[in-house]
Every structure is written in C-alpha cells, then in structure tokens.
Amino acid sequence: MNLFSHSWAALRTAVAALSDEDFAQPSGCTGWLVRDLVCHLVIDAQDVLITLVTPTTREPTRDAVTYWEVTDTPPAGEDPLDALTVRLAAAYQDPGLLT
C-alpha cells in the first residue's frame, strides 16, 4: 500500500502542475489527449483501491512480475476501451475536476 500511496501522490503532484491548456494537448498515447491519460490513470487507481479491499479466497492469477504484459506494438487507438476512456474524460470538461 505504501507504494500505491507514493505513486498516487506523485501523479497528483504532476497533474496539479498542469495548466488547463495542457489537458487539451496530445499525450503521447495514440489518439489520447493529456486529459484522457489522466482520466485513465485515475480510473486505474480506483480499480487498485477496490481490489485491495475486496477479500477473496481464490489463488492470485498474477504476481508483481507477471502483472504487466508488455507487447512489442504500441496501442493504435482502435480498442473500444480506448474510445470509452476518451468519452469519459471529455465528460469532465473542466480540467479541475480531474485534478
């Protein structure tokens, strides 16, 4: 949990330093603006917190080494979940709501 807290604080610090105009700039992720990437990271953080407080007796399917499966090809922006994230981020309109 300490690593999550440290990462979350670093993300919040980085996002707080962004101007409203920065949120409308390309993020470096194909088809995503900075606001889309920030929204994605916030959603993932929520998923982590939900996972941490959801008890289960099942064996883990991943560990710290196997959690990330990196592919050789970057995202093309065609995944339906990519489009969902972009629409969700656009719904915030005011960048302050993402910070």
PDB file of N, CA and C in Angstrom:
ATOM      1  N   MET A   1       0.826  -1.192   0.000  1.00  0.00           N
ATOM      2  CA  MET A   1       0.000   0.000   0.000  1.00  0.00           C
ATOM      3  C   MET A   1       0.867   1.250   0.000  1.00  0.00           C
ATOM      4  N   ASN A   2       2.049   1.162   0.616  1.00  0.00           N
ATOM      5  CA  ASN A   2       2.938   2.312   0.652  1.00  0.00           C
ATOM      6  C   ASN A   2       3.358   2.725  -0.762  1.00  0.00           C
ATOM      7  N   LEU A   3       3.631   1.747  -1.619  1.00  0.00           N
ATOM      8  CA  LEU A   3       4.000   2.065  -2.995  1.00  0.00           C
ATOM      9  C   LEU A   3       2.848   2.737  -3.735  1.00  0.00           C
ATOM     10  N   PHE A   4       1.625   2.288  -3.494  1.00  0.00           N
ATOM     11  CA  PHE A   4       0.469   2.923  -4.115  1.00  0.00           C
ATOM     12  C   PHE A   4       0.353   4.369  -3.644  1.00  0.00           C
ATOM     13  N   SER A   5       0.469   4.594  -2.359  1.00  0.00           N
ATOM     14  CA  SER A   5       0.365   5.953  -1.817  1.00  0.00           C
ATOM     15  C   SER A   5       1.430   6.872  -2.410  1.00  0.00           C
ATOM     16  N   HIS A   6       2.628   6.356  -2.538  1.00  0.00           N
ATOM     17  CA  HIS A   6       3.723   7.137  -3.118  1.00  0.00           C
ATOM     18  C   HIS A   6       3.431   7.454  -4.591  1.00  0.00           C
ATOM     19  N   SER A   7       2.982   6.473  -5.350  1.00  0.00           N
ATOM     20  CA  SER A   7       2.662   6.675  -6.765  1.00  0.00           C
ATOM     21  C   SER A   7       1.490   7.636  -6.941  1.00  0.00           C
ATOM     22  N   TRP A   8       0.483   7.486  -6.109  1.00  0.00           N
ATOM     23  CA  TRP A   8      -0.702   8.347  -6.182  1.00  0.00           C
ATOM     24  C   TRP A   8      -0.311   9.800  -5.891  1.00  0.00           C
ATOM     25  N   ALA A   9       0.518  10.001  -4.885  1.00  0.00           N
ATOM     26  CA  ALA A   9       0.976  11.356  -4.555  1.00  0.00           C
ATOM     27  C   ALA A   9       1.773  11.961  -5.711  1.00  0.00           C
ATOM     28  N   ALA A  10       2.620  11.160  -6.346  1.00  0.00           N
ATOM     29  CA  ALA A  10       3.411  11.644  -7.481  1.00  0.00           C
ATOM     30  C   ALA A  10       2.510  12.014  -8.659  1.00  0.00           C
ATOM     31  N   LEU A  11       1.499  11.199  -8.931  1.00  0.00           N
ATOM     32  CA  LEU A  11       0.567  11.503 -10.004  1.00  0.00           C
ATOM     33  C   LEU A  11      -0.186  12.793  -9.703  1.00  0.00           C
ATOM     34  N   ARG A  12      -0.697  12.936  -8.497  1.00  0.00           N
ATOM     35  CA  ARG A  12      -1.439  14.144  -8.124  1.00  0.00           C
ATOM     36  C   ARG A  12      -0.566  15.384  -8.234  1.00  0.00           C
ATOM     37  N   THR A  13       0.691  15.270  -7.853  1.00  0.00           N
ATOM     38  CA  THR A  13       1.619  16.399  -7.956  1.00  0.00           C
ATOM     39  C   THR A  13       1.843  16.778  -9.416  1.00  0.00           C
ATOM     40  N   ALA A  14       2.061  15.774 -10.261  1.00  0.00           N
ATOM     41  CA  ALA A  14       2.291  16.038 -11.685  1.00  0.00           C
ATOM     42  C   ALA A  14       1.062  16.670 -12.336  1.00  0.00           C
ATOM     43  N   VAL A  15      -0.112  16.156 -12.026  1.00  0.00           N
ATOM     44  CA  VAL A  15      -1.343  16.669 -12.629  1.00  0.00           C
ATOM     45  C   VAL A  15      -1.648  18.079 -12.118  1.00  0.00           C
ATOM     46  N   ALA A  16      -1.368  18.335 -10.867  1.00  0.00           N
ATOM     47  CA  ALA A  16      -1.628  19.666 -10.298  1.00  0.00           C
ATOM     48  C   ALA A  16      -0.783  20.742 -10.975  1.00  0.00           C
ATOM     49  N   ALA A  17       0.359  20.345 -11.526  1.00  0.00           N
ATOM     50  CA  ALA A  17       1.250  21.303 -12.181  1.00  0.00           C
ATOM     51  C   ALA A  17       0.809  21.633 -13.606  1.00  0.00           C
ATOM     52  N   LEU A  18      -0.183  20.928 -14.131  1.00  0.00           N
ATOM     53  CA  LEU A  18      -0.650  21.153 -15.497  1.00  0.00           C
ATOM     54  C   LEU A  18      -1.579  22.363 -15.567  1.00  0.00           C
ATOM     55  N   SER A  19      -1.465  23.107 -16.638  1.00  0.00           N
ATOM     56  CA  SER A  19      -2.419  24.195 -16.874  1.00  0.00           C
ATOM     57  C   SER A  19      -3.651  23.609 -17.556  1.00  0.00           C
ATOM     58  N   ASP A  20      -4.741  24.357 -17.573  1.00  0.00           N
ATOM     59  CA  ASP A  20      -5.951  23.888 -18.255  1.00  0.00           C
ATOM     60  C   ASP A  20      -5.655  23.589 -19.724  1.00  0.00           C
ATOM     61  N   GLU A  21      -4.794  24.392 -20.344  1.00  0.00           N
ATOM     62  CA  GLU A  21      -4.450  24.204 -21.749  1.00  0.00           C
ATOM     63  C   GLU A  21      -3.672  22.902 -21.960  1.00  0.00           C
ATOM     64  N   ASP A  22      -2.878  22.490 -20.974  1.00  0.00           N
ATOM     65  CA  ASP A  22      -2.106  21.246 -21.084  1.00  0.00           C
ATOM     66  C   ASP A  22      -3.008  20.034 -21.258  1.00  0.00           C
ATOM     67  N   PHE A  23      -4.182  20.070 -20.647  1.00  0.00           N
ATOM     68  CA  PHE A  23      -5.094  18.928 -20.720  1.00  0.00           C
ATOM     69  C   PHE A  23      -5.586  18.667 -22.141  1.00  0.00           C
ATOM     70  N   ALA A  24      -5.543  19.678 -22.999  1.00  0.00           N
ATOM     71  CA  ALA A  24      -6.016  19.543 -24.374  1.00  0.00           C
ATOM     72  C   ALA A  24      -4.892  19.174 -25.350  1.00  0.00           C
ATOM     73  N   GLN A  25      -3.689  18.968 -24.844  1.00  0.00           N
ATOM     74  CA  GLN A  25      -2.545  18.622 -25.692  1.00  0.00           C
ATOM     75  C   GLN A  25      -2.469  17.109 -25.895  1.00  0.00           C
ATOM     76  N   PRO A  26      -1.842  16.663 -27.004  1.00  0.00           N
ATOM     77  CA  PRO A  26      -1.632  15.216 -27.200  1.00  0.00           C
ATOM     78  C   PRO A  26      -0.774  14.656 -26.064  1.00  0.00           C
ATOM     79  N   SER A  27      -1.069  13.435 -25.665  1.00  0.00           N
ATOM     80  CA  SER A  27      -0.387  12.842 -24.511  1.00  0.00           C
ATOM     81  C   SER A  27       0.824  11.998 -24.872  1.00  0.00           C
ATOM     82  N   GLY A  28       0.958  11.615 -26.100  1.00  0.00           N
ATOM     83  CA  GLY A  28       1.989  10.648 -26.470  1.00  0.00           C
ATOM     84  C   GLY A  28       1.399   9.253 -26.610  1.00  0.00           C
ATOM     85  N   CYS A  29       0.172   9.062 -26.148  1.00  0.00           N
ATOM     86  CA  CYS A  29      -0.565   7.813 -26.356  1.00  0.00           C
ATOM     87  C   CYS A  29      -1.467   8.040 -27.570  1.00  0.00           C
ATOM     88  N   THR A  30      -1.352   7.202 -28.567  1.00  0.00           N
ATOM     89  CA  THR A  30      -2.067   7.381 -29.829  1.00  0.00           C
ATOM     90  C   THR A  30      -3.548   7.669 -29.611  1.00  0.00           C
ATOM     91  N   GLY A  31      -3.985   8.821 -30.112  1.00  0.00           N
ATOM     92  CA  GLY A  31      -5.396   9.184 -30.056  1.00  0.00           C
ATOM     93  C   GLY A  31      -5.866   9.758 -28.735  1.00  0.00           C
ATOM     94  N   TRP A  32      -4.988   9.904 -27.758  1.00  0.00           N
ATOM     95  CA  TRP A  32      -5.384  10.396 -26.443  1.00  0.00           C
ATOM     96  C   TRP A  32      -4.776  11.749 -26.146  1.00  0.00           C
ATOM     97  N   LEU A  33      -5.598  12.623 -25.584  1.00  0.00           N
ATOM     98  CA  LEU A  33      -5.120  13.886 -25.046  1.00  0.00           C
ATOM     99  C   LEU A  33      -4.604  13.646 -23.631  1.00  0.00           C
ATOM    100  N   VAL A  34      -3.955  14.641 -23.064  1.00  0.00           N
ATOM    101  CA  VAL A  34      -3.475  14.531 -21.682  1.00  0.00           C
ATOM    102  C   VAL A  34      -4.644  14.237 -20.748  1.00  0.00           C
ATOM    103  N   ARG A  35      -5.788  14.893 -20.968  1.00  0.00           N
ATOM    104  CA  ARG A  35      -6.946  14.650 -20.083  1.00  0.00           C
ATOM    105  C   ARG A  35      -7.384  13.199 -20.138  1.00  0.00           C
ATOM    106  N   ASP A  36      -7.279  12.561 -21.313  1.00  0.00           N
ATOM    107  CA  ASP A  36      -7.662  11.158 -21.452  1.00  0.00           C
ATOM    108  C   ASP A  36      -6.737  10.264 -20.641  1.00  0.00           C
ATOM    109  N   LEU A  37      -5.447  10.555 -20.717  1.00  0.00           N
ATOM    110  CA  LEU A  37      -4.467   9.765 -19.972  1.00  0.00           C
ATOM    111  C   LEU A  37      -4.654   9.943 -18.475  1.00  0.00           C
ATOM    112  N   VAL A  38      -4.871  11.172 -18.031  1.00  0.00           N
ATOM    113  CA  VAL A  38      -5.103  11.423 -16.604  1.00  0.00           C
ATOM    114  C   VAL A  38      -6.351  10.685 -16.141  1.00  0.00           C
ATOM    115  N   CYS A  39      -7.410  10.748 -16.913  1.00  0.00           N
ATOM    116  CA  CYS A  39      -8.649  10.045 -16.565  1.00  0.00           C
ATOM    117  C   CYS A  39      -8.404   8.540 -16.445  1.00  0.00           C
ATOM    118  N   HIS A  40      -7.660   7.988 -17.397  1.00  0.00           N
ATOM    119  CA  HIS A  40      -7.325   6.557 -17.380  1.00  0.00           C
ATOM    120  C   HIS A  40      -6.559   6.189 -16.101  1.00  0.00           C
ATOM    121  N   LEU A  41      -5.599   7.016 -15.728  1.00  0.00           N
ATOM    122  CA  LEU A  41      -4.806   6.731 -14.532  1.00  0.00           C
ATOM    123  C   LEU A  41      -5.639   6.828 -13.255  1.00  0.00           C
ATOM    124  N   VAL A  42      -6.575   7.764 -13.215  1.00  0.00           N
ATOM    125  CA  VAL A  42      -7.464   7.886 -12.056  1.00  0.00           C
ATOM    126  C   VAL A  42      -8.366   6.659 -11.947  1.00  0.00           C
ATOM    127  N   ILE A  43      -8.907   6.224 -13.080  1.00  0.00           N
ATOM    128  CA  ILE A  43      -9.762   5.025 -13.082  1.00  0.00           C
ATOM    129  C   ILE A  43      -8.965   3.807 -12.624  1.00  0.00           C
ATOM    130  N   ASP A  44      -7.739   3.663 -13.110  1.00  0.00           N
ATOM    131  CA  ASP A  44      -6.905   2.535 -12.689  1.00  0.00           C
ATOM    132  C   ASP A  44      -6.604   2.590 -11.198  1.00  0.00           C
ATOM    133  N   ALA A  45      -6.369   3.781 -10.674  1.00  0.00           N
ATOM    134  CA  ALA A  45      -6.120   3.912  -9.231  1.00  0.00           C
ATOM    135  C   ALA A  45      -7.351   3.472  -8.443  1.00  0.00           C
ATOM    136  N   GLN A  46      -8.533   3.841  -8.918  1.00  0.00           N
ATOM    137  CA  GLN A  46      -9.765   3.398  -8.264  1.00  0.00           C
ATOM    138  C   GLN A  46      -9.879   1.875  -8.302  1.00  0.00           C
ATOM    139  N   ASP A  47      -9.513   1.283  -9.423  1.00  0.00           N
ATOM    140  CA  ASP A  47      -9.540  -0.179  -9.544  1.00  0.00           C
ATOM    141  C   ASP A  47      -8.598  -0.836  -8.534  1.00  0.00           C
ATOM    142  N   VAL A  48      -7.420  -0.259  -8.348  1.00  0.00           N
ATOM    143  CA  VAL A  48      -6.461  -0.784  -7.366  1.00  0.00           C
ATOM    144  C   VAL A  48      -7.069  -0.740  -5.972  1.00  0.00           C
ATOM    145  N   LEU A  49      -7.657   0.386  -5.617  1.00  0.00           N
ATOM    146  CA  LEU A  49      -8.247   0.513  -4.277  1.00  0.00           C
ATOM    147  C   LEU A  49      -9.390  -0.477  -4.069  1.00  0.00           C
ATOM    148  N   ILE A  50     -10.218  -0.650  -5.079  1.00  0.00           N
ATOM    149  CA  ILE A  50     -11.313  -1.622  -4.983  1.00  0.00           C
ATOM    150  C   ILE A  50     -10.755  -3.028  -4.794  1.00  0.00           C
ATOM    151  N   THR A  51      -9.713  -3.346  -5.555  1.00  0.00           N
ATOM    152  CA  THR A  51      -9.090  -4.669  -5.455  1.00  0.00           C
ATOM    153  C   THR A  51      -8.513  -4.905  -4.071  1.00  0.00           C
ATOM    154  N   LEU A  52      -7.889  -3.892  -3.508  1.00  0.00           N
ATOM    155  CA  LEU A  52      -7.253  -4.044  -2.193  1.00  0.00           C
ATOM    156  C   LEU A  52      -8.252  -4.292  -1.064  1.00  0.00           C
ATOM    157  N   VAL A  53      -9.484  -3.826  -1.235  1.00  0.00           N
ATOM    158  CA  VAL A  53     -10.470  -4.001  -0.163  1.00  0.00           C
ATOM    159  C   VAL A  53     -11.520  -5.063  -0.490  1.00  0.00           C
ATOM    160  N   THR A  54     -11.276  -5.828  -1.553  1.00  0.00           N
ATOM    161  CA  THR A  54     -12.208  -6.885  -1.932  1.00  0.00           C
ATOM    162  C   THR A  54     -11.609  -8.236  -1.553  1.00  0.00           C
ATOM    163  N   PRO A  55     -12.073  -8.815  -0.444  1.00  0.00           N
ATOM    164  CA  PRO A  55     -11.490 -10.082   0.004  1.00  0.00           C
ATOM    165  C   PRO A  55     -11.866 -11.240  -0.933  1.00  0.00           C
ATOM    166  N   THR A  56     -10.942 -12.173  -1.026  1.00  0.00           N
ATOM    167  CA  THR A  56     -11.192 -13.380  -1.807  1.00  0.00           C
ATOM    168  C   THR A  56     -10.346 -14.511  -1.239  1.00  0.00           C
ATOM    169  N   THR A  57     -10.814 -15.713  -1.439  1.00  0.00           N
ATOM    170  CA  THR A  57     -10.047 -16.886  -1.013  1.00  0.00           C
ATOM    171  C   THR A  57      -9.385 -17.566  -2.213  1.00  0.00           C
ATOM    172  N   ARG A  58      -9.646 -17.044  -3.413  1.00  0.00           N
ATOM    173  CA  ARG A  58      -9.057 -17.632  -4.623  1.00  0.00           C
ATOM    174  C   ARG A  58      -7.568 -17.335  -4.691  1.00  0.00           C
ATOM    175  N   GLU A  59      -6.854 -18.210  -5.373  1.00  0.00           N
ATOM    176  CA  GLU A  59      -5.418 -18.011  -5.592  1.00  0.00           C
ATOM    177  C   GLU A  59      -5.220 -16.856  -6.573  1.00  0.00           C
ATOM    178  N   PRO A  60      -4.175 -16.071  -6.387  1.00  0.00           N
ATOM    179  CA  PRO A  60      -3.898 -14.981  -7.340  1.00  0.00           C
ATOM    180  C   PRO A  60      -3.600 -15.533  -8.728  1.00  0.00           C
ATOM    181  N   THR A  61      -3.974 -14.773  -9.741  1.00  0.00           N
ATOM    182  CA  THR A  61      -3.695 -15.165 -11.126  1.00  0.00           C
ATOM    183  C   THR A  61      -2.455 -14.454 -11.656  1.00  0.00           C
ATOM    184  N   ARG A  62      -1.966 -13.478 -10.931  1.00  0.00           N
ATOM    185  CA  ARG A  62      -0.778 -12.704 -11.310  1.00  0.00           C
ATOM    186  C   ARG A  62       0.038 -12.410 -10.067  1.00  0.00           C
ATOM    187  N   ASP A  63       1.313 -12.044 -10.299  1.00  0.00           N
ATOM    188  CA  ASP A  63       2.151 -11.551  -9.207  1.00  0.00           C
ATOM    189  C   ASP A  63       2.825 -10.269  -9.683  1.00  0.00           C
ATOM    190  N   ALA A  64       3.719  -9.722  -8.885  1.00  0.00           N
ATOM    191  CA  ALA A  64       4.363  -8.448  -9.226  1.00  0.00           C
ATOM    192  C   ALA A  64       5.155  -8.525 -10.525  1.00  0.00           C
ATOM    193  N   VAL A  65       5.646  -9.697 -10.860  1.00  0.00           N
ATOM    194  CA  VAL A  65       6.439  -9.858 -12.085  1.00  0.00           C
ATOM    195  C   VAL A  65       5.545 -10.061 -13.308  1.00  0.00           C
ATOM    196  N   THR A  66       4.481 -10.843 -13.168  1.00  0.00           N
ATOM    197  CA  THR A  66       3.661 -11.199 -14.327  1.00  0.00           C
ATOM    198  C   THR A  66       2.472 -10.275 -14.553  1.00  0.00           C
ATOM    199  N   TYR A  67       2.276  -9.276 -13.712  1.00  0.00           N
ATOM    200  CA  TYR A  67       1.109  -8.396 -13.848  1.00  0.00           C
ATOM    201  C   TYR A  67       1.128  -7.653 -15.182  1.00  0.00           C
ATOM    202  N   TRP A  68       2.280  -7.115 -15.530  1.00  0.00           N
ATOM    203  CA  TRP A  68       2.388  -6.324 -16.757  1.00  0.00           C
ATOM    204  C   TRP A  68       2.810  -7.198 -17.916  1.00  0.00           C
ATOM    205  N   GLU A  69       1.985  -7.275 -18.923  1.00  0.00           N
ATOM    206  CA  GLU A  69       2.332  -7.961 -20.160  1.00  0.00           C
ATOM    207  C   GLU A  69       2.577  -6.888 -21.216  1.00  0.00           C
ATOM    208  N   VAL A  70       3.831  -6.641 -21.506  1.00  0.00           N
ATOM    209  CA  VAL A  70       4.195  -5.611 -22.466  1.00  0.00           C
ATOM    210  C   VAL A  70       4.251  -6.225 -23.855  1.00  0.00           C
ATOM    211  N   THR A  71       3.609  -5.547 -24.812  1.00  0.00           N
ATOM    212  CA  THR A  71       3.636  -6.033 -26.185  1.00  0.00           C
ATOM    213  C   THR A  71       4.698  -5.265 -26.973  1.00  0.00           C
ATOM    214  N   ASP A  72       5.018  -5.785 -28.129  1.00  0.00           N
ATOM    215  CA  ASP A  72       6.011  -5.147 -28.987  1.00  0.00           C
ATOM    216  C   ASP A  72       5.420  -4.023 -29.824  1.00  0.00           C
ATOM    217  N   THR A  73       4.092  -3.907 -29.860  1.00  0.00           N
ATOM    218  CA  THR A  73       3.454  -2.882 -30.675  1.00  0.00           C
ATOM    219  C   THR A  73       2.707  -1.885 -29.800  1.00  0.00           C
ATOM    220  N   PRO A  74       2.865  -0.599 -30.079  1.00  0.00           N
ATOM    221  CA  PRO A  74       2.143   0.399 -29.273  1.00  0.00           C
ATOM    222  C   PRO A  74       0.659   0.389 -29.606  1.00  0.00           C
ATOM    223  N   PRO A  75      -0.173   0.901 -28.711  1.00  0.00           N
ATOM    224  CA  PRO A  75      -1.614   0.964 -28.987  1.00  0.00           C
ATOM    225  C   PRO A  75      -1.883   1.793 -30.237  1.00  0.00           C
ATOM    226  N   ALA A  76      -2.881   1.398 -31.001  1.00  0.00           N
ATOM    227  CA  ALA A  76      -3.236   2.110 -32.227  1.00  0.00           C
ATOM    228  C   ALA A  76      -4.431   3.033 -32.024  1.00  0.00           C
ATOM    229  N   GLY A  77      -4.994   3.034 -30.812  1.00  0.00           N
ATOM    230  CA  GLY A  77      -6.151   3.875 -30.548  1.00  0.00           C
ATOM    231  C   GLY A  77      -7.447   3.299 -31.080  1.00  0.00           C
ATOM    232  N   GLU A  78      -7.461   2.018 -31.425  1.00  0.00           N
ATOM    233  CA  GLU A  78      -8.648   1.393 -32.006  1.00  0.00           C
ATOM    234  C   GLU A  78      -9.405   0.495 -31.024  1.00  0.00           C
ATOM    235  N   ASP A  79      -8.860   0.286 -29.846  1.00  0.00           N
ATOM    236  CA  ASP A  79      -9.511  -0.559 -28.848  1.00  0.00           C
ATOM    237  C   ASP A  79     -10.781   0.143 -28.345  1.00  0.00           C
ATOM    238  N   PRO A  80     -11.914  -0.570 -28.260  1.00  0.00           N
ATOM    239  CA  PRO A  80     -13.152   0.052 -27.787  1.00  0.00           C
ATOM    240  C   PRO A  80     -13.012   0.686 -26.396  1.00  0.00           C
ATOM    241  N   LEU A  81     -12.173   0.110 -25.536  1.00  0.00           N
ATOM    242  CA  LEU A  81     -11.974   0.707 -24.217  1.00  0.00           C
ATOM    243  C   LEU A  81     -11.233   2.037 -24.316  1.00  0.00           C
ATOM    244  N   ASP A  82     -10.361   2.174 -25.313  1.00  0.00           N
ATOM    245  CA  ASP A  82      -9.702   3.457 -25.537  1.00  0.00           C
ATOM    246  C   ASP A  82     -10.742   4.537 -25.818  1.00  0.00           C
ATOM    247  N   ALA A  83     -11.698   4.214 -26.675  1.00  0.00           N
ATOM    248  CA  ALA A  83     -12.745   5.171 -27.028  1.00  0.00           C
ATOM    249  C   ALA A  83     -13.606   5.507 -25.817  1.00  0.00           C
ATOM    250  N   LEU A  84     -13.892   4.537 -24.972  1.00  0.00           N
ATOM    251  CA  LEU A  84     -14.670   4.774 -23.764  1.00  0.00           C
ATOM    252  C   LEU A  84     -13.943   5.740 -22.839  1.00  0.00           C
ATOM    253  N   THR A  85     -12.648   5.554 -22.677  1.00  0.00           N
ATOM    254  CA  THR A  85     -11.857   6.433 -21.816  1.00  0.00           C
ATOM    255  C   THR A  85     -11.877   7.861 -22.346  1.00  0.00           C
ATOM    256  N   VAL A  86     -11.752   8.022 -23.649  1.00  0.00           N
ATOM    257  CA  VAL A  86     -11.772   9.357 -24.266  1.00  0.00           C
ATOM    258  C   VAL A  86     -13.118  10.029 -24.017  1.00  0.00           C
ATOM    259  N   ARG A  87     -14.211   9.292 -24.177  1.00  0.00           N
ATOM    260  CA  ARG A  87     -15.547   9.876 -23.940  1.00  0.00           C
ATOM    261  C   ARG A  87     -15.743  10.227 -22.470  1.00  0.00           C
ATOM    262  N   LEU A  88     -15.268   9.376 -21.580  1.00  0.00           N
ATOM    263  CA  LEU A  88     -15.391   9.658 -20.153  1.00  0.00           C
ATOM    264  C   LEU A  88     -14.596  10.909 -19.783  1.00  0.00           C
ATOM    265  N   ALA A  89     -13.378  11.006 -20.270  1.00  0.00           N
ATOM    266  CA  ALA A  89     -12.540  12.172 -19.966  1.00  0.00           C
ATOM    267  C   ALA A  89     -13.176  13.447 -20.497  1.00  0.00           C
ATOM    268  N   ALA A  90     -13.774  13.390 -21.675  1.00  0.00           N
ATOM    269  CA  ALA A  90     -14.416  14.566 -22.266  1.00  0.00           C
ATOM    270  C   ALA A  90     -15.606  15.026 -21.428  1.00  0.00           C
ATOM    271  N   ALA A  91     -16.238  14.094 -20.733  1.00  0.00           N
ATOM    272  CA  ALA A  91     -17.400  14.446 -19.920  1.00  0.00           C
ATOM    273  C   ALA A  91     -17.026  15.351 -18.750  1.00  0.00           C
ATOM    274  N   TYR A  92     -15.777  15.311 -18.319  1.00  0.00           N
ATOM    275  CA  TYR A  92     -15.351  16.159 -17.207  1.00  0.00           C
ATOM    276  C   TYR A  92     -15.313  17.637 -17.596  1.00  0.00           C
ATOM    277  N   GLN A  93     -15.054  17.949 -18.854  1.00  0.00           N
ATOM    278  CA  GLN A  93     -14.983  19.301 -19.413  1.00  0.00           C
ATOM    279  C   GLN A  93     -14.054  20.216 -18.640  1.00  0.00           C
ATOM    280  N   ASP A  94     -14.263  20.429 -17.365  1.00  0.00           N
ATOM    281  CA  ASP A  94     -13.406  21.292 -16.560  1.00  0.00           C
ATOM    282  C   ASP A  94     -12.219  20.469 -16.054  1.00  0.00           C
ATOM    283  N   PRO A  95     -10.984  20.782 -16.508  1.00  0.00           N
ATOM    284  CA  PRO A  95      -9.811  20.013 -16.067  1.00  0.00           C
ATOM    285  C   PRO A  95      -9.654  19.962 -14.548  1.00  0.00           C
ATOM    286  N   GLY A  96     -10.152  20.968 -13.862  1.00  0.00           N
ATOM    287  CA  GLY A  96     -10.062  20.970 -12.401  1.00  0.00           C
ATOM    288  C   GLY A  96     -10.742  19.777 -11.766  1.00  0.00           C
ATOM    289  N   LEU A  97     -11.730  19.221 -12.452  1.00  0.00           N
ATOM    290  CA  LEU A  97     -12.420  18.047 -11.912  1.00  0.00           C
ATOM    291  C   LEU A  97     -11.557  16.799 -11.959  1.00  0.00           C
ATOM    292  N   LEU A  98     -10.554  16.775 -12.851  1.00  0.00           N
ATOM    293  CA  LEU A  98      -9.641  15.642 -12.927  1.00  0.00           C
ATOM    294  C   LEU A  98      -8.460  15.807 -11.976  1.00  0.00           C
ATOM    295  N   THR A  99      -8.232  17.015 -11.505  1.00  0.00           N
ATOM    296  CA  THR A  99      -7.107  17.219 -10.596  1.00  0.00           C
ATOM    297  C   THR A  99      -7.543  17.007  -9.162  1.00  0.00           C
TER     298      THR A  99
END
